[in-house]
Amino acid sequence: MTMSITSIIRFASAQSPVGSYQVAPEKRISGNPTQQLQNHYSSPCNQFHSGIWQSESGAWKINYTEYEYCEILEGTSIITDLEGQSQTFTVGDRFIIPAGFQGVWQVVEPCRKVYVIFEQK
C-alpha cells in the first residue's frame, strides 16, 4: 500500500479529540491527577499509537505491557522502579520505558509529553 503526503500527521495541526480521565483508584498513591490524552495516530493493527499526554501532579503505580518512547515537553516527573531506584525527567528529556517495567510514576510539576507506544501482540 502506497501512502501520499496527506498521510503524514503533523502534531501541531492535528485535530484529534482530547480525552480526560482520572487515575484508577487502585493505582493512585497520591493526589487525584486529571490526565488528558490526545491520540494523533493508531496503526491499522492497533499495536502502534502516538500523541500527546498530560497530567496534573500526583503519583500512581505503573505496569507496562507496551514499549513507550517519551519526550517531555513541559513539567517534571520522577519514575521509580520496584527496587526504589528513580530517575527524574524534565523538559527536553527523551527516553524509552520497556515492556515489563513496573513501579511508580510521580508528576512533580504538571507534565506534558509526546508518547509513541508499541504493544506487541
PDB file of N, CA and C in Angstrom:
ATOM      1  N   MET A   1       0.840  -1.177   0.000  1.00  0.00           N
ATOM      2  CA  MET A   1       0.000   0.000   0.000  1.00  0.00           C
ATOM      3  C   MET A   1       0.885   1.240   0.000  1.00  0.00           C
ATOM      4  N   THR A   2       0.654   2.118  -0.941  1.00  0.00           N
ATOM      5  CA  THR A   2       1.408   3.359  -1.062  1.00  0.00           C
ATOM      6  C   THR A   2       0.635   4.484  -0.388  1.00  0.00           C
ATOM      7  N   MET A   3       1.357   5.287   0.379  1.00  0.00           N
ATOM      8  CA  MET A   3       0.751   6.430   1.064  1.00  0.00           C
ATOM      9  C   MET A   3       1.182   7.716   0.374  1.00  0.00           C
ATOM     10  N   SER A   4       0.352   8.742   0.472  1.00  0.00           N
ATOM     11  CA  SER A   4       0.677  10.043  -0.110  1.00  0.00           C
ATOM     12  C   SER A   4       1.096  11.012   0.988  1.00  0.00           C
ATOM     13  N   ILE A   5       1.488  12.189   0.579  1.00  0.00           N
ATOM     14  CA  ILE A   5       1.930  13.217   1.518  1.00  0.00           C
ATOM     15  C   ILE A   5       0.817  13.577   2.504  1.00  0.00           C
ATOM     16  N   THR A   6      -0.426  13.422   2.113  1.00  0.00           N
ATOM     17  CA  THR A   6      -1.546  13.742   3.005  1.00  0.00           C
ATOM     18  C   THR A   6      -1.687  12.735   4.143  1.00  0.00           C
ATOM     19  N   SER A   7      -0.943  11.628   4.090  1.00  0.00           N
ATOM     20  CA  SER A   7      -0.964  10.625   5.154  1.00  0.00           C
ATOM     21  C   SER A   7      -0.083  11.011   6.338  1.00  0.00           C
ATOM     22  N   ILE A   8       0.759  12.009   6.152  1.00  0.00           N
ATOM     23  CA  ILE A   8       1.659  12.451   7.222  1.00  0.00           C
ATOM     24  C   ILE A   8       0.860  13.261   8.241  1.00  0.00           C
ATOM     25  N   ILE A   9       1.082  12.983   9.516  1.00  0.00           N
ATOM     26  CA  ILE A   9       0.350  13.656  10.586  1.00  0.00           C
ATOM     27  C   ILE A   9       1.268  14.639  11.295  1.00  0.00           C
ATOM     28  N   ARG A  10       0.914  15.899  11.251  1.00  0.00           N
ATOM     29  CA  ARG A  10       1.654  16.944  11.967  1.00  0.00           C
ATOM     30  C   ARG A  10       0.975  17.162  13.306  1.00  0.00           C
ATOM     31  N   PHE A  11       1.698  16.924  14.383  1.00  0.00           N
ATOM     32  CA  PHE A  11       1.106  17.073  15.715  1.00  0.00           C
ATOM     33  C   PHE A  11       0.596  18.501  15.954  1.00  0.00           C
ATOM     34  N   ALA A  12       1.333  19.494  15.475  1.00  0.00           N
ATOM     35  CA  ALA A  12       0.980  20.888  15.744  1.00  0.00           C
ATOM     36  C   ALA A  12      -0.372  21.275  15.155  1.00  0.00           C
ATOM     37  N   SER A  13      -0.772  20.628  14.087  1.00  0.00           N
ATOM     38  CA  SER A  13      -2.044  20.992  13.450  1.00  0.00           C
ATOM     39  C   SER A  13      -3.084  19.876  13.503  1.00  0.00           C
ATOM     40  N   ALA A  14      -2.780  18.782  14.183  1.00  0.00           N
ATOM     41  CA  ALA A  14      -3.725  17.661  14.269  1.00  0.00           C
ATOM     42  C   ALA A  14      -4.965  18.080  15.048  1.00  0.00           C
ATOM     43  N   GLN A  15      -6.109  17.649  14.583  1.00  0.00           N
ATOM     44  CA  GLN A  15      -7.388  17.993  15.209  1.00  0.00           C
ATOM     45  C   GLN A  15      -7.966  16.807  15.978  1.00  0.00           C
ATOM     46  N   SER A  16      -7.115  16.005  16.576  1.00  0.00           N
ATOM     47  CA  SER A  16      -7.542  14.817  17.315  1.00  0.00           C
ATOM     48  C   SER A  16      -8.312  15.227  18.568  1.00  0.00           C
ATOM     49  N   PRO A  17      -9.350  14.460  18.933  1.00  0.00           N
ATOM     50  CA  PRO A  17     -10.087  14.772  20.154  1.00  0.00           C
ATOM     51  C   PRO A  17      -9.213  14.551  21.393  1.00  0.00           C
ATOM     52  N   VAL A  18      -9.499  15.305  22.440  1.00  0.00           N
ATOM     53  CA  VAL A  18      -8.776  15.185  23.704  1.00  0.00           C
ATOM     54  C   VAL A  18      -9.687  14.481  24.705  1.00  0.00           C
ATOM     55  N   GLY A  19      -9.190  13.362  25.257  1.00  0.00           N
ATOM     56  CA  GLY A  19      -9.928  12.646  26.295  1.00  0.00           C
ATOM     57  C   GLY A  19      -9.366  12.992  27.657  1.00  0.00           C
ATOM     58  N   SER A  20     -10.220  13.129  28.648  1.00  0.00           N
ATOM     59  CA  SER A  20      -9.812  13.461  30.005  1.00  0.00           C
ATOM     60  C   SER A  20     -10.257  12.342  30.938  1.00  0.00           C
ATOM     61  N   TYR A  21      -9.390  11.975  31.890  1.00  0.00           N
ATOM     62  CA  TYR A  21      -9.705  10.877  32.805  1.00  0.00           C
ATOM     63  C   TYR A  21      -8.909  11.024  34.095  1.00  0.00           C
ATOM     64  N   GLN A  22      -9.287  10.266  35.099  1.00  0.00           N
ATOM     65  CA  GLN A  22      -8.589  10.214  36.382  1.00  0.00           C
ATOM     66  C   GLN A  22      -7.830   8.886  36.465  1.00  0.00           C
ATOM     67  N   VAL A  23      -6.762   8.870  37.253  1.00  0.00           N
ATOM     68  CA  VAL A  23      -6.036   7.631  37.524  1.00  0.00           C
ATOM     69  C   VAL A  23      -6.979   6.716  38.304  1.00  0.00           C
ATOM     70  N   ALA A  24      -7.014   5.439  37.947  1.00  0.00           N
ATOM     71  CA  ALA A  24      -7.872   4.475  38.641  1.00  0.00           C
ATOM     72  C   ALA A  24      -7.531   4.462  40.134  1.00  0.00           C
ATOM     73  N   PRO A  25      -8.546   4.428  41.005  1.00  0.00           N
ATOM     74  CA  PRO A  25      -8.307   4.480  42.460  1.00  0.00           C
ATOM     75  C   PRO A  25      -7.335   3.411  42.966  1.00  0.00           C
ATOM     76  N   GLU A  26      -7.362   2.206  42.390  1.00  0.00           N
ATOM     77  CA  GLU A  26      -6.481   1.137  42.858  1.00  0.00           C
ATOM     78  C   GLU A  26      -5.015   1.367  42.483  1.00  0.00           C
ATOM     79  N   LYS A  27      -4.745   2.286  41.531  1.00  0.00           N
ATOM     80  CA  LYS A  27      -3.377   2.602  41.137  1.00  0.00           C
ATOM     81  C   LYS A  27      -2.857   3.865  41.819  1.00  0.00           C
ATOM     82  N   ARG A  28      -3.757   4.705  42.296  1.00  0.00           N
ATOM     83  CA  ARG A  28      -3.401   6.011  42.851  1.00  0.00           C
ATOM     84  C   ARG A  28      -2.646   5.873  44.163  1.00  0.00           C
ATOM     85  N   ILE A  29      -1.531   6.621  44.278  1.00  0.00           N
ATOM     86  CA  ILE A  29      -0.737   6.666  45.505  1.00  0.00           C
ATOM     87  C   ILE A  29      -0.917   8.011  46.203  1.00  0.00           C
ATOM     88  N   SER A  30      -0.863   9.096  45.422  1.00  0.00           N
ATOM     89  CA  SER A  30      -1.080  10.424  45.993  1.00  0.00           C
ATOM     90  C   SER A  30      -1.737  11.331  44.969  1.00  0.00           C
ATOM     91  N   GLY A  31      -2.473  12.314  45.477  1.00  0.00           N
ATOM     92  CA  GLY A  31      -3.181  13.233  44.601  1.00  0.00           C
ATOM     93  C   GLY A  31      -4.331  12.537  43.889  1.00  0.00           C
ATOM     94  N   ASN A  32      -4.984  13.267  43.042  1.00  0.00           N
ATOM     95  CA  ASN A  32      -6.045  12.724  42.190  1.00  0.00           C
ATOM     96  C   ASN A  32      -5.906  13.405  40.835  1.00  0.00           C
ATOM     97  N   PRO A  33      -4.785  13.127  40.152  1.00  0.00           N
ATOM     98  CA  PRO A  33      -4.463  13.898  38.952  1.00  0.00           C
ATOM     99  C   PRO A  33      -5.428  13.633  37.789  1.00  0.00           C
ATOM    100  N   THR A  34      -5.897  14.729  37.203  1.00  0.00           N
ATOM    101  CA  THR A  34      -6.616  14.635  35.936  1.00  0.00           C
ATOM    102  C   THR A  34      -5.572  14.480  34.852  1.00  0.00           C
ATOM    103  N   GLN A  35      -5.809  13.538  33.945  1.00  0.00           N
ATOM    104  CA  GLN A  35      -4.902  13.320  32.834  1.00  0.00           C
ATOM    105  C   GLN A  35      -5.663  13.529  31.527  1.00  0.00           C
ATOM    106  N   GLN A  36      -4.936  13.943  30.502  1.00  0.00           N
ATOM    107  CA  GLN A  36      -5.527  14.132  29.181  1.00  0.00           C
ATOM    108  C   GLN A  36      -4.708  13.385  28.152  1.00  0.00           C
ATOM    109  N   LEU A  37      -5.408  12.836  27.194  1.00  0.00           N
ATOM    110  CA  LEU A  37      -4.766  12.069  26.128  1.00  0.00           C
ATOM    111  C   LEU A  37      -5.310  12.562  24.795  1.00  0.00           C
ATOM    112  N   GLN A  38      -4.395  12.905  23.899  1.00  0.00           N
ATOM    113  CA  GLN A  38      -4.766  13.307  22.550  1.00  0.00           C
ATOM    114  C   GLN A  38      -4.009  12.389  21.592  1.00  0.00           C
ATOM    115  N   ASN A  39      -4.660  11.283  21.232  1.00  0.00           N
ATOM    116  CA  ASN A  39      -4.030  10.292  20.362  1.00  0.00           C
ATOM    117  C   ASN A  39      -4.137  10.764  18.912  1.00  0.00           C
ATOM    118  N   HIS A  40      -2.982  11.035  18.306  1.00  0.00           N
ATOM    119  CA  HIS A  40      -2.969  11.525  16.930  1.00  0.00           C
ATOM    120  C   HIS A  40      -2.922  10.401  15.898  1.00  0.00           C
ATOM    121  N   TYR A  41      -2.477   9.215  16.327  1.00  0.00           N
ATOM    122  CA  TYR A  41      -2.362   8.124  15.354  1.00  0.00           C
ATOM    123  C   TYR A  41      -2.434   6.771  16.041  1.00  0.00           C
ATOM    124  N   SER A  42      -3.181   5.878  15.443  1.00  0.00           N
ATOM    125  CA  SER A  42      -3.185   4.453  15.799  1.00  0.00           C
ATOM    126  C   SER A  42      -3.062   3.669  14.498  1.00  0.00           C
ATOM    127  N   SER A  43      -2.168   2.707  14.473  1.00  0.00           N
ATOM    128  CA  SER A  43      -1.958   1.912  13.268  1.00  0.00           C
ATOM    129  C   SER A  43      -3.172   1.021  12.999  1.00  0.00           C
ATOM    130  N   PRO A  44      -3.338   0.579  11.750  1.00  0.00           N
ATOM    131  CA  PRO A  44      -4.460  -0.314  11.421  1.00  0.00           C
ATOM    132  C   PRO A  44      -4.477  -1.596  12.260  1.00  0.00           C
ATOM    133  N   CYS A  45      -3.300  -2.088  12.687  1.00  0.00           N
ATOM    134  CA  CYS A  45      -3.234  -3.305  13.501  1.00  0.00           C
ATOM    135  C   CYS A  45      -3.469  -2.999  14.983  1.00  0.00           C
ATOM    136  N   ASN A  46      -3.584  -1.709  15.332  1.00  0.00           N
ATOM    137  CA  ASN A  46      -3.843  -1.246  16.691  1.00  0.00           C
ATOM    138  C   ASN A  46      -2.733  -1.619  17.688  1.00  0.00           C
ATOM    139  N   GLN A  47      -1.490  -1.735  17.196  1.00  0.00           N
ATOM    140  CA  GLN A  47      -0.348  -2.034  18.067  1.00  0.00           C
ATOM    141  C   GLN A  47       0.563  -0.822  18.251  1.00  0.00           C
ATOM    142  N   PHE A  48       0.397   0.208  17.428  1.00  0.00           N
ATOM    143  CA  PHE A  48       1.269   1.379  17.427  1.00  0.00           C
ATOM    144  C   PHE A  48       0.400   2.622  17.586  1.00  0.00           C
ATOM    145  N   HIS A  49       0.761   3.473  18.573  1.00  0.00           N
ATOM    146  CA  HIS A  49      -0.025   4.673  18.854  1.00  0.00           C
ATOM    147  C   HIS A  49       0.923   5.832  19.159  1.00  0.00           C
ATOM    148  N   SER A  50       0.474   7.048  18.848  1.00  0.00           N
ATOM    149  CA  SER A  50       1.296   8.207  19.145  1.00  0.00           C
ATOM    150  C   SER A  50       0.417   9.441  19.351  1.00  0.00           C
ATOM    151  N   GLY A  51       0.858  10.306  20.258  1.00  0.00           N
ATOM    152  CA  GLY A  51       0.104  11.520  20.528  1.00  0.00           C
ATOM    153  C   GLY A  51       0.707  12.305  21.670  1.00  0.00           C
ATOM    154  N   ILE A  52      -0.165  13.066  22.345  1.00  0.00           N
ATOM    155  CA  ILE A  52       0.239  13.922  23.451  1.00  0.00           C
ATOM    156  C   ILE A  52      -0.520  13.499  24.703  1.00  0.00           C
ATOM    157  N   TRP A  53       0.211  13.373  25.815  1.00  0.00           N
ATOM    158  CA  TRP A  53      -0.369  13.045  27.117  1.00  0.00           C
ATOM    159  C   TRP A  53       0.022  14.140  28.088  1.00  0.00           C
ATOM    160  N   GLN A  54      -0.868  14.443  29.017  1.00  0.00           N
ATOM    161  CA  GLN A  54      -0.502  15.380  30.078  1.00  0.00           C
ATOM    162  C   GLN A  54      -1.211  15.004  31.366  1.00  0.00           C
ATOM    163  N   SER A  55      -0.603  15.425  32.475  1.00  0.00           N
ATOM    164  CA  SER A  55      -1.132  15.073  33.789  1.00  0.00           C
ATOM    165  C   SER A  55      -0.852  16.172  34.793  1.00  0.00           C
ATOM    166  N   GLU A  56      -1.786  16.316  35.735  1.00  0.00           N
ATOM    167  CA  GLU A  56      -1.569  17.164  36.901  1.00  0.00           C
ATOM    168  C   GLU A  56      -0.690  16.404  37.889  1.00  0.00           C
ATOM    169  N   SER A  57      -0.280  17.056  38.945  1.00  0.00           N
ATOM    170  CA  SER A  57       0.586  16.451  39.954  1.00  0.00           C
ATOM    171  C   SER A  57      -0.104  15.291  40.673  1.00  0.00           C
ATOM    172  N   GLY A  58       0.687  14.277  41.003  1.00  0.00           N
ATOM    173  CA  GLY A  58       0.206  13.101  41.717  1.00  0.00           C
ATOM    174  C   GLY A  58       1.139  11.934  41.455  1.00  0.00           C
ATOM    175  N   ALA A  59       0.834  10.776  42.035  1.00  0.00           N
ATOM    176  CA  ALA A  59       1.657   9.578  41.849  1.00  0.00           C
ATOM    177  C   ALA A  59       0.743   8.363  41.747  1.00  0.00           C
ATOM    178  N   TRP A  60       1.157   7.398  40.919  1.00  0.00           N
ATOM    179  CA  TRP A  60       0.366   6.186  40.721  1.00  0.00           C
ATOM    180  C   TRP A  60       1.274   5.037  40.297  1.00  0.00           C
ATOM    181  N   LYS A  61       0.789   3.828  40.523  1.00  0.00           N
ATOM    182  CA  LYS A  61       1.509   2.610  40.142  1.00  0.00           C
ATOM    183  C   LYS A  61       1.432   2.427  38.632  1.00  0.00           C
ATOM    184  N   ILE A  62       2.544   1.954  38.050  1.00  0.00           N
ATOM    185  CA  ILE A  62       2.574   1.669  36.611  1.00  0.00           C
ATOM    186  C   ILE A  62       3.035   0.238  36.383  1.00  0.00           C
ATOM    187  N   ASN A  63       2.506  -0.366  35.338  1.00  0.00           N
ATOM    188  CA  ASN A  63       2.842  -1.732  34.940  1.00  0.00           C
ATOM    189  C   ASN A  63       2.775  -1.770  33.419  1.00  0.00           C
ATOM    190  N   TYR A  64       3.917  -1.637  32.773  1.00  0.00           N
ATOM    191  CA  TYR A  64       3.972  -1.510  31.319  1.00  0.00           C
ATOM    192  C   TYR A  64       3.894  -2.863  30.614  1.00  0.00           C
ATOM    193  N   THR A  65       2.887  -3.027  29.761  1.00  0.00           N
ATOM    194  CA  THR A  65       2.803  -4.180  28.858  1.00  0.00           C
ATOM    195  C   THR A  65       3.253  -3.765  27.468  1.00  0.00           C
ATOM    196  N   GLU A  66       3.414  -2.465  27.269  1.00  0.00           N
ATOM    197  CA  GLU A  66       3.819  -1.883  25.997  1.00  0.00           C
ATOM    198  C   GLU A  66       5.215  -1.279  26.125  1.00  0.00           C
ATOM    199  N   TYR A  67       5.840  -1.002  24.971  1.00  0.00           N
ATOM    200  CA  TYR A  67       7.083  -0.234  24.909  1.00  0.00           C
ATOM    201  C   TYR A  67       6.663   1.205  24.648  1.00  0.00           C
ATOM    202  N   GLU A  68       7.269   2.165  25.375  1.00  0.00           N
ATOM    203  CA  GLU A  68       6.878   3.557  25.181  1.00  0.00           C
ATOM    204  C   GLU A  68       8.097   4.463  25.071  1.00  0.00           C
ATOM    205  N   TYR A  69       8.117   5.249  24.002  1.00  0.00           N
ATOM    206  CA  TYR A  69       9.073   6.346  23.842  1.00  0.00           C
ATOM    207  C   TYR A  69       8.382   7.596  24.358  1.00  0.00           C
ATOM    208  N   CYS A  70       9.084   8.386  25.178  1.00  0.00           N
ATOM    209  CA  CYS A  70       8.529   9.615  25.737  1.00  0.00           C
ATOM    210  C   CYS A  70       9.477  10.781  25.452  1.00  0.00           C
ATOM    211  N   GLU A  71       8.895  11.944  25.206  1.00  0.00           N
ATOM    212  CA  GLU A  71       9.658  13.185  25.129  1.00  0.00           C
ATOM    213  C   GLU A  71       8.905  14.211  25.966  1.00  0.00           C
ATOM    214  N   ILE A  72       9.540  14.681  27.043  1.00  0.00           N
ATOM    215  CA  ILE A  72       8.901  15.614  27.954  1.00  0.00           C
ATOM    216  C   ILE A  72       8.894  17.021  27.339  1.00  0.00           C
ATOM    217  N   LEU A  73       7.697  17.587  27.211  1.00  0.00           N
ATOM    218  CA  LEU A  73       7.528  18.926  26.644  1.00  0.00           C
ATOM    219  C   LEU A  73       7.390  19.992  27.726  1.00  0.00           C
ATOM    220  N   GLU A  74       6.791  19.613  28.865  1.00  0.00           N
ATOM    221  CA  GLU A  74       6.590  20.530  29.986  1.00  0.00           C
ATOM    222  C   GLU A  74       6.618  19.738  31.288  1.00  0.00           C
ATOM    223  N   GLY A  75       7.048  20.379  32.361  1.00  0.00           N
ATOM    224  CA  GLY A  75       6.944  19.794  33.685  1.00  0.00           C
ATOM    225  C   GLY A  75       8.065  18.854  34.077  1.00  0.00           C
ATOM    226  N   THR A  76       7.826  18.177  35.206  1.00  0.00           N
ATOM    227  CA  THR A  76       8.812  17.255  35.770  1.00  0.00           C
ATOM    228  C   THR A  76       8.110  16.016  36.312  1.00  0.00           C
ATOM    229  N   SER A  77       8.677  14.855  35.997  1.00  0.00           N
ATOM    230  CA  SER A  77       8.179  13.579  36.519  1.00  0.00           C
ATOM    231  C   SER A  77       9.340  12.784  37.090  1.00  0.00           C
ATOM    232  N   ILE A  78       9.033  11.949  38.077  1.00  0.00           N
ATOM    233  CA  ILE A  78      10.006  11.014  38.639  1.00  0.00           C
ATOM    234  C   ILE A  78       9.429   9.620  38.448  1.00  0.00           C
ATOM    235  N   ILE A  79      10.228   8.742  37.860  1.00  0.00           N
ATOM    236  CA  ILE A  79       9.818   7.348  37.673  1.00  0.00           C
ATOM    237  C   ILE A  79      10.697   6.492  38.581  1.00  0.00           C
ATOM    238  N   THR A  80      10.048   5.650  39.389  1.00  0.00           N
ATOM    239  CA  THR A  80      10.739   4.816  40.372  1.00  0.00           C
ATOM    240  C   THR A  80      10.409   3.361  40.099  1.00  0.00           C
ATOM    241  N   ASP A  81      11.440   2.488  40.128  1.00  0.00           N
ATOM    242  CA  ASP A  81      11.196   1.060  39.910  1.00  0.00           C
ATOM    243  C   ASP A  81      10.828   0.368  41.221  1.00  0.00           C
ATOM    244  N   LEU A  82      10.551  -0.919  41.154  1.00  0.00           N
ATOM    245  CA  LEU A  82      10.121  -1.666  42.343  1.00  0.00           C
ATOM    246  C   LEU A  82      11.211  -1.790  43.401  1.00  0.00           C
ATOM    247  N   GLU A  83      12.480  -1.584  43.034  1.00  0.00           N
ATOM    248  CA  GLU A  83      13.589  -1.629  43.988  1.00  0.00           C
ATOM    249  C   GLU A  83      13.829  -0.277  44.650  1.00  0.00           C
ATOM    250  N   GLY A  84      13.085   0.747  44.250  1.00  0.00           N
ATOM    251  CA  GLY A  84      13.230   2.068  44.850  1.00  0.00           C
ATOM    252  C   GLY A  84      14.204   2.988  44.135  1.00  0.00           C
ATOM    253  N   GLN A  85      14.781   2.549  43.016  1.00  0.00           N
ATOM    254  CA  GLN A  85      15.675   3.399  42.239  1.00  0.00           C
ATOM    255  C   GLN A  85      14.827   4.310  41.353  1.00  0.00           C
ATOM    256  N   SER A  86      15.238   5.574  41.237  1.00  0.00           N
ATOM    257  CA  SER A  86      14.418   6.501  40.465  1.00  0.00           C
ATOM    258  C   SER A  86      15.254   7.360  39.530  1.00  0.00           C
ATOM    259  N   GLN A  87      14.568   7.924  38.538  1.00  0.00           N
ATOM    260  CA  GLN A  87      15.156   8.895  37.627  1.00  0.00           C
ATOM    261  C   GLN A  87      14.155  10.040  37.475  1.00  0.00           C
ATOM    262  N   THR A  88      14.693  11.253  37.375  1.00  0.00           N
ATOM    263  CA  THR A  88      13.872  12.448  37.176  1.00  0.00           C
ATOM    264  C   THR A  88      13.943  12.849  35.714  1.00  0.00           C
ATOM    265  N   PHE A  89      12.785  13.192  35.160  1.00  0.00           N
ATOM    266  CA  PHE A  89      12.690  13.593  33.759  1.00  0.00           C
ATOM    267  C   PHE A  89      12.040  14.962  33.672  1.00  0.00           C
ATOM    268  N   THR A  90      12.652  15.837  32.855  1.00  0.00           N
ATOM    269  CA  THR A  90      12.168  17.203  32.715  1.00  0.00           C
ATOM    270  C   THR A  90      12.205  17.616  31.244  1.00  0.00           C
ATOM    271  N   VAL A  91      11.859  18.846  30.972  1.00  0.00           N
ATOM    272  CA  VAL A  91      11.734  19.348  29.604  1.00  0.00           C
ATOM    273  C   VAL A  91      12.947  18.979  28.748  1.00  0.00           C
ATOM    274  N   GLY A  92      12.666  18.382  27.599  1.00  0.00           N
ATOM    275  CA  GLY A  92      13.712  18.004  26.654  1.00  0.00           C
ATOM    276  C   GLY A  92      14.202  16.583  26.804  1.00  0.00           C
ATOM    277  N   ASP A  93      13.902  15.934  27.921  1.00  0.00           N
ATOM    278  CA  ASP A  93      14.348  14.553  28.107  1.00  0.00           C
ATOM    279  C   ASP A  93      13.568  13.616  27.189  1.00  0.00           C
ATOM    280  N   ARG A  94      14.295  12.670  26.614  1.00  0.00           N
ATOM    281  CA  ARG A  94      13.723  11.644  25.733  1.00  0.00           C
ATOM    282  C   ARG A  94      14.169  10.296  26.264  1.00  0.00           C
ATOM    283  N   PHE A  95      13.223   9.355  26.382  1.00  0.00           N
ATOM    284  CA  PHE A  95      13.566   8.059  26.969  1.00  0.00           C
ATOM    285  C   PHE A  95      12.570   7.001  26.534  1.00  0.00           C
ATOM    286  N   ILE A  96      12.945   5.748  26.756  1.00  0.00           N
ATOM    287  CA  ILE A  96      12.085   4.610  26.437  1.00  0.00           C
ATOM    288  C   ILE A  96      11.841   3.819  27.712  1.00  0.00           C
ATOM    289  N   ILE A  97      10.579   3.484  27.943  1.00  0.00           N
ATOM    290  CA  ILE A  97      10.201   2.593  29.029  1.00  0.00           C
ATOM    291  C   ILE A  97       9.904   1.235  28.396  1.00  0.00           C
ATOM    292  N   PRO A  98      10.624   0.185  28.790  1.00  0.00           N
ATOM    293  CA  PRO A  98      10.418  -1.126  28.163  1.00  0.00           C
ATOM    294  C   PRO A  98       9.188  -1.841  28.712  1.00  0.00           C
ATOM    295  N   ALA A  99       8.614  -2.688  27.867  1.00  0.00           N
ATOM    296  CA  ALA A  99       7.524  -3.555  28.327  1.00  0.00           C
ATOM    297  C   ALA A  99       8.043  -4.380  29.496  1.00  0.00           C
ATOM    298  N   GLY A 100       7.209  -4.567  30.508  1.00  0.00           N
ATOM    299  CA  GLY A 100       7.599  -5.314  31.697  1.00  0.00           C
ATOM    300  C   GLY A 100       8.019  -4.432  32.861  1.00  0.00           C
ATOM    301  N   PHE A 101       8.237  -3.119  32.609  1.00  0.00           N
ATOM    302  CA  PHE A 101       8.637  -2.216  33.684  1.00  0.00           C
ATOM    303  C   PHE A 101       7.469  -2.010  34.643  1.00  0.00           C
ATOM    304  N   GLN A 102       7.766  -2.065  35.943  1.00  0.00           N
ATOM    305  CA  GLN A 102       6.774  -1.807  36.981  1.00  0.00           C
ATOM    306  C   GLN A 102       7.361  -0.824  37.981  1.00  0.00           C
ATOM    307  N   GLY A 103       6.520   0.000  38.539  1.00  0.00           N
ATOM    308  CA  GLY A 103       6.986   0.959  39.533  1.00  0.00           C
ATOM    309  C   GLY A 103       5.960   2.034  39.792  1.00  0.00           C
ATOM    310  N   VAL A 104       6.458   3.276  39.955  1.00  0.00           N
ATOM    311  CA  VAL A 104       5.610   4.422  40.265  1.00  0.00           C
ATOM    312  C   VAL A 104       5.978   5.572  39.334  1.00  0.00           C
ATOM    313  N   TRP A 105       4.952   6.234  38.803  1.00  0.00           N
ATOM    314  CA  TRP A 105       5.132   7.477  38.033  1.00  0.00           C
ATOM    315  C   TRP A 105       4.625   8.594  38.919  1.00  0.00           C
ATOM    316  N   GLN A 106       5.496   9.560  39.216  1.00  0.00           N
ATOM    317  CA  GLN A 106       5.104  10.721  40.015  1.00  0.00           C
ATOM    318  C   GLN A 106       5.282  11.977  39.183  1.00  0.00           C
ATOM    319  N   VAL A 107       4.218  12.735  39.036  1.00  0.00           N
ATOM    320  CA  VAL A 107       4.289  14.035  38.380  1.00  0.00           C
ATOM    321  C   VAL A 107       4.499  15.071  39.476  1.00  0.00           C
ATOM    322  N   VAL A 108       5.671  15.705  39.465  1.00  0.00           N
ATOM    323  CA  VAL A 108       6.041  16.700  40.470  1.00  0.00           C
ATOM    324  C   VAL A 108       5.500  18.068  40.065  1.00  0.00           C
ATOM    325  N   GLU A 109       5.681  18.417  38.799  1.00  0.00           N
ATOM    326  CA  GLU A 109       5.127  19.639  38.207  1.00  0.00           C
ATOM    327  C   GLU A 109       4.286  19.185  37.029  1.00  0.00           C
ATOM    328  N   PRO A 110       3.091  19.759  36.821  1.00  0.00           N
ATOM    329  CA  PRO A 110       2.239  19.313  35.720  1.00  0.00           C
ATOM    330  C   PRO A 110       3.067  19.021  34.468  1.00  0.00           C
ATOM    331  N   CYS A 111       2.837  17.853  33.905  1.00  0.00           N
ATOM    332  CA  CYS A 111       3.700  17.296  32.864  1.00  0.00           C
ATOM    333  C   CYS A 111       2.934  17.113  31.559  1.00  0.00           C
ATOM    334  N   ARG A 112       3.635  17.338  30.463  1.00  0.00           N
ATOM    335  CA  ARG A 112       3.093  17.123  29.120  1.00  0.00           C
ATOM    336  C   ARG A 112       4.175  16.423  28.314  1.00  0.00           C
ATOM    337  N   LYS A 113       3.791  15.369  27.577  1.00  0.00           N
ATOM    338  CA  LYS A 113       4.800  14.621  26.826  1.00  0.00           C
ATOM    339  C   LYS A 113       4.244  14.129  25.494  1.00  0.00           C
ATOM    340  N   VAL A 114       5.148  13.897  24.567  1.00  0.00           N
ATOM    341  CA  VAL A 114       4.852  13.143  23.353  1.00  0.00           C
ATOM    342  C   VAL A 114       5.059  11.688  23.713  1.00  0.00           C
ATOM    343  N   TYR A 115       4.133  10.831  23.313  1.00  0.00           N
ATOM    344  CA  TYR A 115       4.312   9.398  23.525  1.00  0.00           C
ATOM    345  C   TYR A 115       4.220   8.666  22.194  1.00  0.00           C
ATOM    346  N   VAL A 116       4.991   7.608  22.107  1.00  0.00           N
ATOM    347  CA  VAL A 116       4.927   6.669  20.985  1.00  0.00           C
ATOM    348  C   VAL A 116       4.927   5.287  21.631  1.00  0.00           C
ATOM    349  N   ILE A 117       3.853   4.550  21.405  1.00  0.00           N
ATOM    350  CA  ILE A 117       3.660   3.252  22.072  1.00  0.00           C
ATOM    351  C   ILE A 117       3.610   2.133  21.045  1.00  0.00           C
ATOM    352  N   PHE A 118       4.296   1.040  21.363  1.00  0.00           N
ATOM    353  CA  PHE A 118       4.181  -0.202  20.594  1.00  0.00           C
ATOM    354  C   PHE A 118       3.780  -1.307  21.555  1.00  0.00           C
ATOM    355  N   GLU A 119       2.651  -1.919  21.295  1.00  0.00           N
ATOM    356  CA  GLU A 119       2.131  -3.021  22.135  1.00  0.00           C
ATOM    357  C   GLU A 119       2.173  -4.290  21.295  1.00  0.00           C
ATOM    358  N   GLN A 120       3.145  -5.155  21.608  1.00  0.00           N
ATOM    359  CA  GLN A 120       3.294  -6.394  20.854  1.00  0.00           C
ATOM    360  C   GLN A 120       2.173  -7.362  21.209  1.00  0.00           C
ATOM    361  N   LYS A 121       1.593  -7.983  20.190  1.00  0.00           N
ATOM    362  CA  LYS A 121       0.508  -8.959  20.440  1.00  0.00           C
ATOM    363  C   LYS A 121       1.045 -10.359  20.499  1.00  0.00           C
TER     364      LYS A 121
END
